[in-house]
Amino acid sequence: MTEEQHIFKKIEQVGDRVLRLAAVELCNEIIENRYKSAEIIDFLGSTRVFAVIARYKKMTPHKNDPGDKGHSKLLSNAYEYSIGALYYENKVKAIETAKADLAHFYENQEIYFVKKQA
């Protein structure tokens, strides 16, 4: 792994943790059923959701991502990296941005997921 790839993974992991923290904070604010919140936090903190948000933001895979997995995982990593990089610049803004992105996704899931007609 090159030095650039190592730095990418480090920042991407920080972004992942910030996004998961934002998911917990969001659920504490909007979910009344505490039994349901763990399930929602897991969903909001998933690769699938991060990839969908990255697509919505028209992101592309990061050039230093050493991953060899599918396109969705690469998009998820790019989004996590963007939040992680923001965290190193401004911690509060990173959490607020992550929370706003996740709130927008949660409130507008029908935009992101088109259900198949039977």
N, C-alpha and C. Protein backbone atom coordinates (compact mmCIF):
# COMPACT_ATOMS: atom_id res chain seq x y z
N MET A 1 0.85 -1.17 0.00
CA MET A 1 0.00 0.00 0.00
C MET A 1 0.90 1.24 0.00
N THR A 2 0.59 2.18 -0.86
CA THR A 2 1.38 3.40 -0.93
C THR A 2 1.05 4.32 0.24
N GLU A 3 1.88 5.31 0.44
CA GLU A 3 1.65 6.28 1.51
C GLU A 3 0.33 7.02 1.30
N GLU A 4 0.02 7.38 0.05
CA GLU A 4 -1.23 8.08 -0.25
C GLU A 4 -2.44 7.20 0.07
N GLN A 5 -2.34 5.92 -0.25
CA GLN A 5 -3.43 4.99 0.05
C GLN A 5 -3.60 4.82 1.56
N HIS A 6 -2.49 4.77 2.28
CA HIS A 6 -2.54 4.64 3.73
C HIS A 6 -3.23 5.86 4.35
N ILE A 7 -2.88 7.04 3.88
CA ILE A 7 -3.50 8.28 4.38
C ILE A 7 -4.99 8.29 4.03
N PHE A 8 -5.32 7.86 2.81
CA PHE A 8 -6.73 7.79 2.41
C PHE A 8 -7.52 6.90 3.38
N LYS A 9 -7.00 5.70 3.66
CA LYS A 9 -7.71 4.76 4.54
C LYS A 9 -7.88 5.34 5.94
N LYS A 10 -6.86 6.03 6.43
CA LYS A 10 -6.93 6.64 7.76
C LYS A 10 -8.03 7.68 7.82
N ILE A 11 -8.08 8.56 6.84
CA ILE A 11 -9.10 9.62 6.81
C ILE A 11 -10.49 9.02 6.57
N GLU A 12 -10.56 8.01 5.72
CA GLU A 12 -11.84 7.35 5.43
C GLU A 12 -12.40 6.68 6.68
N GLN A 13 -11.54 6.07 7.50
CA GLN A 13 -12.01 5.44 8.73
C GLN A 13 -12.53 6.47 9.73
N VAL A 14 -11.87 7.62 9.80
CA VAL A 14 -12.36 8.69 10.67
C VAL A 14 -13.74 9.15 10.19
N GLY A 15 -13.89 9.30 8.88
CA GLY A 15 -15.18 9.70 8.32
C GLY A 15 -16.28 8.70 8.65
N ASP A 16 -15.94 7.42 8.58
CA ASP A 16 -16.91 6.37 8.92
C ASP A 16 -17.39 6.54 10.36
N ARG A 17 -16.47 6.79 11.27
CA ARG A 17 -16.84 6.94 12.68
C ARG A 17 -17.66 8.21 12.92
N VAL A 18 -17.31 9.29 12.22
CA VAL A 18 -18.09 10.53 12.34
C VAL A 18 -19.51 10.30 11.84
N LEU A 19 -19.65 9.60 10.73
CA LEU A 19 -20.98 9.32 10.19
C LEU A 19 -21.80 8.45 11.14
N ARG A 20 -21.18 7.48 11.76
CA ARG A 20 -21.90 6.65 12.73
C ARG A 20 -22.31 7.44 13.97
N LEU A 21 -21.43 8.33 14.42
CA LEU A 21 -21.78 9.21 15.53
C LEU A 21 -22.95 10.10 15.15
N ALA A 22 -22.92 10.64 13.95
CA ALA A 22 -24.02 11.49 13.47
C ALA A 22 -25.32 10.69 13.41
N ALA A 23 -25.25 9.42 13.01
CA ALA A 23 -26.45 8.58 12.97
C ALA A 23 -27.03 8.40 14.37
N VAL A 24 -26.18 8.20 15.36
CA VAL A 24 -26.64 8.05 16.74
C VAL A 24 -27.29 9.35 17.22
N GLU A 25 -26.63 10.47 16.98
CA GLU A 25 -27.20 11.76 17.40
C GLU A 25 -28.54 12.03 16.72
N LEU A 26 -28.61 11.73 15.43
CA LEU A 26 -29.86 11.93 14.70
C LEU A 26 -30.98 11.08 15.28
N CYS A 27 -30.70 9.83 15.54
CA CYS A 27 -31.72 8.94 16.10
C CYS A 27 -32.15 9.39 17.49
N ASN A 28 -31.22 9.90 18.29
CA ASN A 28 -31.58 10.40 19.61
C ASN A 28 -32.54 11.58 19.51
N GLU A 29 -32.44 12.32 18.42
CA GLU A 29 -33.31 13.49 18.24
C GLU A 29 -34.67 13.15 17.64
N ILE A 30 -34.73 12.17 16.73
CA ILE A 30 -35.97 11.98 15.98
C ILE A 30 -36.72 10.69 16.27
N ILE A 31 -36.07 9.71 16.86
CA ILE A 31 -36.72 8.41 17.09
C ILE A 31 -37.18 8.30 18.53
N GLU A 32 -38.46 8.08 18.71
CA GLU A 32 -39.00 7.94 20.06
C GLU A 32 -38.91 6.50 20.56
N ASN A 33 -38.99 5.56 19.66
CA ASN A 33 -38.94 4.15 20.03
C ASN A 33 -37.47 3.70 20.12
N ARG A 34 -36.96 3.63 21.33
CA ARG A 34 -35.54 3.30 21.54
C ARG A 34 -35.19 1.89 21.05
N TYR A 35 -36.17 0.99 21.01
CA TYR A 35 -35.90 -0.36 20.51
C TYR A 35 -35.66 -0.36 19.01
N LYS A 36 -36.29 0.56 18.31
CA LYS A 36 -36.16 0.68 16.86
C LYS A 36 -34.89 1.46 16.48
N SER A 37 -34.39 2.31 17.36
CA SER A 37 -33.28 3.18 17.01
C SER A 37 -32.00 2.41 16.67
N ALA A 38 -31.72 1.31 17.33
CA ALA A 38 -30.51 0.54 17.02
C ALA A 38 -30.54 0.03 15.58
N GLU A 39 -31.70 -0.42 15.16
CA GLU A 39 -31.87 -0.89 13.78
C GLU A 39 -31.68 0.25 12.78
N ILE A 40 -32.22 1.40 13.10
CA ILE A 40 -32.10 2.57 12.21
C ILE A 40 -30.66 3.07 12.17
N ILE A 41 -29.98 3.07 13.31
CA ILE A 41 -28.57 3.48 13.35
C ILE A 41 -27.73 2.56 12.48
N ASP A 42 -27.96 1.25 12.58
CA ASP A 42 -27.23 0.29 11.74
C ASP A 42 -27.50 0.55 10.25
N PHE A 43 -28.74 0.83 9.92
CA PHE A 43 -29.10 1.10 8.53
C PHE A 43 -28.43 2.38 8.04
N LEU A 44 -28.56 3.48 8.82
CA LEU A 44 -27.99 4.76 8.41
C LEU A 44 -26.46 4.71 8.34
N GLY A 45 -25.84 3.83 9.11
CA GLY A 45 -24.39 3.71 9.11
C GLY A 45 -23.88 2.63 8.18
N SER A 46 -24.67 2.26 7.20
CA SER A 46 -24.29 1.17 6.31
C SER A 46 -23.61 1.67 5.04
N THR A 47 -22.83 0.80 4.45
CA THR A 47 -22.16 1.09 3.18
C THR A 47 -23.20 1.44 2.11
N ARG A 48 -24.31 0.74 2.14
CA ARG A 48 -25.37 0.98 1.14
C ARG A 48 -25.87 2.42 1.19
N VAL A 49 -26.16 2.90 2.39
CA VAL A 49 -26.67 4.26 2.54
C VAL A 49 -25.60 5.28 2.17
N PHE A 50 -24.35 5.05 2.61
CA PHE A 50 -23.27 5.98 2.27
C PHE A 50 -23.07 6.05 0.76
N ALA A 51 -23.17 4.92 0.08
CA ALA A 51 -23.01 4.89 -1.38
C ALA A 51 -24.14 5.65 -2.07
N VAL A 52 -25.35 5.49 -1.57
CA VAL A 52 -26.50 6.20 -2.16
C VAL A 52 -26.34 7.71 -1.98
N ILE A 53 -25.90 8.13 -0.80
CA ILE A 53 -25.68 9.56 -0.57
C ILE A 53 -24.57 10.07 -1.49
N ALA A 54 -23.51 9.29 -1.66
CA ALA A 54 -22.41 9.68 -2.56
C ALA A 54 -22.92 9.84 -3.99
N ARG A 55 -23.79 8.91 -4.43
CA ARG A 55 -24.38 9.03 -5.78
C ARG A 55 -25.21 10.30 -5.89
N TYR A 56 -26.01 10.57 -4.87
CA TYR A 56 -26.85 11.76 -4.86
C TYR A 56 -26.00 13.03 -4.94
N LYS A 57 -24.84 13.01 -4.28
CA LYS A 57 -23.93 14.15 -4.29
C LYS A 57 -23.03 14.16 -5.53
N LYS A 58 -23.25 13.19 -6.42
CA LYS A 58 -22.49 13.06 -7.67
C LYS A 58 -20.99 12.90 -7.42
N MET A 59 -20.66 12.11 -6.41
CA MET A 59 -19.26 11.83 -6.11
C MET A 59 -18.75 10.69 -7.00
N THR A 60 -17.45 10.61 -7.13
CA THR A 60 -16.81 9.53 -7.86
C THR A 60 -15.82 8.86 -6.91
N PRO A 61 -15.42 7.63 -7.21
CA PRO A 61 -14.43 6.97 -6.35
C PRO A 61 -13.15 7.81 -6.25
N HIS A 62 -12.55 7.79 -5.09
CA HIS A 62 -11.33 8.56 -4.84
C HIS A 62 -10.15 7.88 -5.51
N LYS A 63 -9.25 8.68 -6.07
CA LYS A 63 -8.11 8.13 -6.82
C LYS A 63 -7.15 7.32 -5.95
N ASN A 64 -7.11 7.57 -4.63
CA ASN A 64 -6.18 6.85 -3.76
C ASN A 64 -6.83 5.69 -3.02
N ASP A 65 -8.06 5.36 -3.35
CA ASP A 65 -8.73 4.24 -2.69
C ASP A 65 -8.11 2.93 -3.17
N PRO A 66 -7.49 2.18 -2.24
CA PRO A 66 -6.87 0.93 -2.64
C PRO A 66 -7.86 -0.23 -2.78
N GLY A 67 -9.14 0.05 -2.52
CA GLY A 67 -10.16 -0.99 -2.55
C GLY A 67 -10.34 -1.61 -3.92
N ASP A 68 -10.67 -2.88 -3.92
CA ASP A 68 -10.91 -3.60 -5.18
C ASP A 68 -12.32 -4.18 -5.18
N LYS A 69 -13.17 -3.62 -4.34
CA LYS A 69 -14.54 -4.12 -4.26
C LYS A 69 -15.41 -3.37 -5.25
N GLY A 70 -16.69 -3.58 -5.18
CA GLY A 70 -17.62 -3.00 -6.13
C GLY A 70 -17.71 -1.49 -6.10
N HIS A 71 -18.38 -0.96 -7.09
CA HIS A 71 -18.53 0.48 -7.25
C HIS A 71 -19.23 1.12 -6.04
N SER A 72 -20.21 0.46 -5.47
CA SER A 72 -20.91 1.01 -4.31
C SER A 72 -19.97 1.20 -3.13
N LYS A 73 -19.11 0.23 -2.90
CA LYS A 73 -18.14 0.33 -1.79
C LYS A 73 -17.17 1.47 -2.05
N LEU A 74 -16.74 1.64 -3.29
CA LEU A 74 -15.82 2.73 -3.62
C LEU A 74 -16.49 4.10 -3.42
N LEU A 75 -17.76 4.20 -3.78
CA LEU A 75 -18.49 5.45 -3.55
C LEU A 75 -18.67 5.72 -2.06
N SER A 76 -18.99 4.66 -1.32
CA SER A 76 -19.14 4.79 0.13
C SER A 76 -17.83 5.29 0.74
N ASN A 77 -16.72 4.71 0.31
CA ASN A 77 -15.41 5.12 0.82
C ASN A 77 -15.12 6.59 0.49
N ALA A 78 -15.49 7.01 -0.71
CA ALA A 78 -15.26 8.41 -1.12
C ALA A 78 -16.06 9.37 -0.23
N TYR A 79 -17.31 8.99 0.08
CA TYR A 79 -18.14 9.83 0.95
C TYR A 79 -17.56 9.86 2.37
N GLU A 80 -17.17 8.70 2.88
CA GLU A 80 -16.56 8.64 4.21
C GLU A 80 -15.29 9.49 4.25
N TYR A 81 -14.50 9.42 3.19
CA TYR A 81 -13.27 10.22 3.11
C TYR A 81 -13.60 11.71 3.15
N SER A 82 -14.63 12.14 2.42
CA SER A 82 -14.97 13.56 2.39
C SER A 82 -15.37 14.06 3.78
N ILE A 83 -16.11 13.24 4.51
CA ILE A 83 -16.50 13.62 5.88
C ILE A 83 -15.29 13.60 6.80
N GLY A 84 -14.42 12.61 6.64
CA GLY A 84 -13.20 12.53 7.45
C GLY A 84 -12.29 13.71 7.20
N ALA A 85 -12.12 14.12 5.95
CA ALA A 85 -11.29 15.28 5.63
C ALA A 85 -11.88 16.55 6.24
N LEU A 86 -13.21 16.65 6.18
CA LEU A 86 -13.88 17.80 6.79
C LEU A 86 -13.67 17.80 8.30
N TYR A 87 -13.67 16.63 8.90
CA TYR A 87 -13.47 16.50 10.34
C TYR A 87 -12.11 17.06 10.75
N TYR A 88 -11.09 16.81 9.95
CA TYR A 88 -9.75 17.33 10.27
C TYR A 88 -9.69 18.85 10.15
N GLU A 89 -10.56 19.43 9.33
CA GLU A 89 -10.61 20.88 9.17
C GLU A 89 -11.48 21.53 10.25
N ASN A 90 -12.67 20.94 10.49
CA ASN A 90 -13.63 21.54 11.41
C ASN A 90 -14.53 20.42 11.95
N LYS A 91 -14.26 20.00 13.16
CA LYS A 91 -14.96 18.86 13.75
C LYS A 91 -16.47 19.07 13.84
N VAL A 92 -16.88 20.22 14.31
CA VAL A 92 -18.31 20.50 14.47
C VAL A 92 -19.02 20.50 13.12
N LYS A 93 -18.41 21.16 12.14
CA LYS A 93 -19.01 21.21 10.81
C LYS A 93 -19.13 19.82 10.20
N ALA A 94 -18.14 18.97 10.44
CA ALA A 94 -18.19 17.60 9.90
C ALA A 94 -19.36 16.83 10.48
N ILE A 95 -19.56 16.93 11.76
CA ILE A 95 -20.68 16.21 12.40
C ILE A 95 -22.01 16.79 11.94
N GLU A 96 -22.10 18.10 11.85
CA GLU A 96 -23.33 18.74 11.39
C GLU A 96 -23.65 18.37 9.94
N THR A 97 -22.62 18.35 9.09
CA THR A 97 -22.82 17.97 7.69
C THR A 97 -23.27 16.53 7.58
N ALA A 98 -22.60 15.65 8.31
CA ALA A 98 -22.97 14.23 8.29
C ALA A 98 -24.40 14.04 8.78
N LYS A 99 -24.75 14.73 9.85
CA LYS A 99 -26.10 14.61 10.40
C LYS A 99 -27.14 15.14 9.42
N ALA A 100 -26.84 16.25 8.77
CA ALA A 100 -27.77 16.82 7.79
C ALA A 100 -27.94 15.88 6.60
N ASP A 101 -26.84 15.29 6.12
CA ASP A 101 -26.93 14.35 5.00
C ASP A 101 -27.78 13.13 5.38
N LEU A 102 -27.52 12.59 6.56
CA LEU A 102 -28.28 11.40 7.00
C LEU A 102 -29.74 11.74 7.25
N ALA A 103 -30.01 12.92 7.80
CA ALA A 103 -31.40 13.35 8.03
C ALA A 103 -32.12 13.49 6.70
N HIS A 104 -31.46 14.10 5.71
CA HIS A 104 -32.07 14.26 4.40
C HIS A 104 -32.38 12.89 3.80
N PHE A 105 -31.43 11.97 3.91
CA PHE A 105 -31.65 10.62 3.39
C PHE A 105 -32.83 9.97 4.11
N TYR A 106 -32.83 10.03 5.43
CA TYR A 106 -33.87 9.36 6.22
C TYR A 106 -35.26 9.90 5.89
N GLU A 107 -35.35 11.20 5.73
CA GLU A 107 -36.65 11.84 5.46
C GLU A 107 -37.11 11.65 4.02
N ASN A 108 -36.19 11.34 3.11
CA ASN A 108 -36.51 11.26 1.68
C ASN A 108 -36.12 9.92 1.07
N GLN A 109 -36.27 8.86 1.81
CA GLN A 109 -35.86 7.55 1.32
C GLN A 109 -36.54 7.16 0.02
N GLU A 110 -37.77 7.60 -0.17
CA GLU A 110 -38.50 7.23 -1.38
C GLU A 110 -37.83 7.81 -2.63
N ILE A 111 -37.09 8.89 -2.50
CA ILE A 111 -36.35 9.45 -3.63
C ILE A 111 -35.20 8.52 -4.02
N TYR A 112 -34.56 7.97 -3.04
CA TYR A 112 -33.35 7.17 -3.24
C TYR A 112 -33.65 5.73 -3.67
N PHE A 113 -34.70 5.17 -3.12
CA PHE A 113 -35.01 3.77 -3.40
C PHE A 113 -36.33 3.68 -4.14
N VAL A 114 -36.28 3.25 -5.35
CA VAL A 114 -37.50 3.05 -6.15
C VAL A 114 -37.92 1.61 -5.96
N LYS A 115 -39.11 1.42 -5.45
CA LYS A 115 -39.60 0.06 -5.22
C LYS A 115 -40.09 -0.56 -6.51
N LYS A 116 -39.81 -1.83 -6.69
CA LYS A 116 -40.26 -2.54 -7.88
C LYS A 116 -41.75 -2.83 -7.76
N GLN A 117 -42.45 -2.66 -8.86
CA GLN A 117 -43.87 -2.95 -8.88
C GLN A 117 -44.08 -4.45 -9.07
N ALA A 118 -45.03 -5.00 -8.36
CA ALA A 118 -45.28 -6.45 -8.45
C ALA A 118 -46.07 -6.79 -9.69
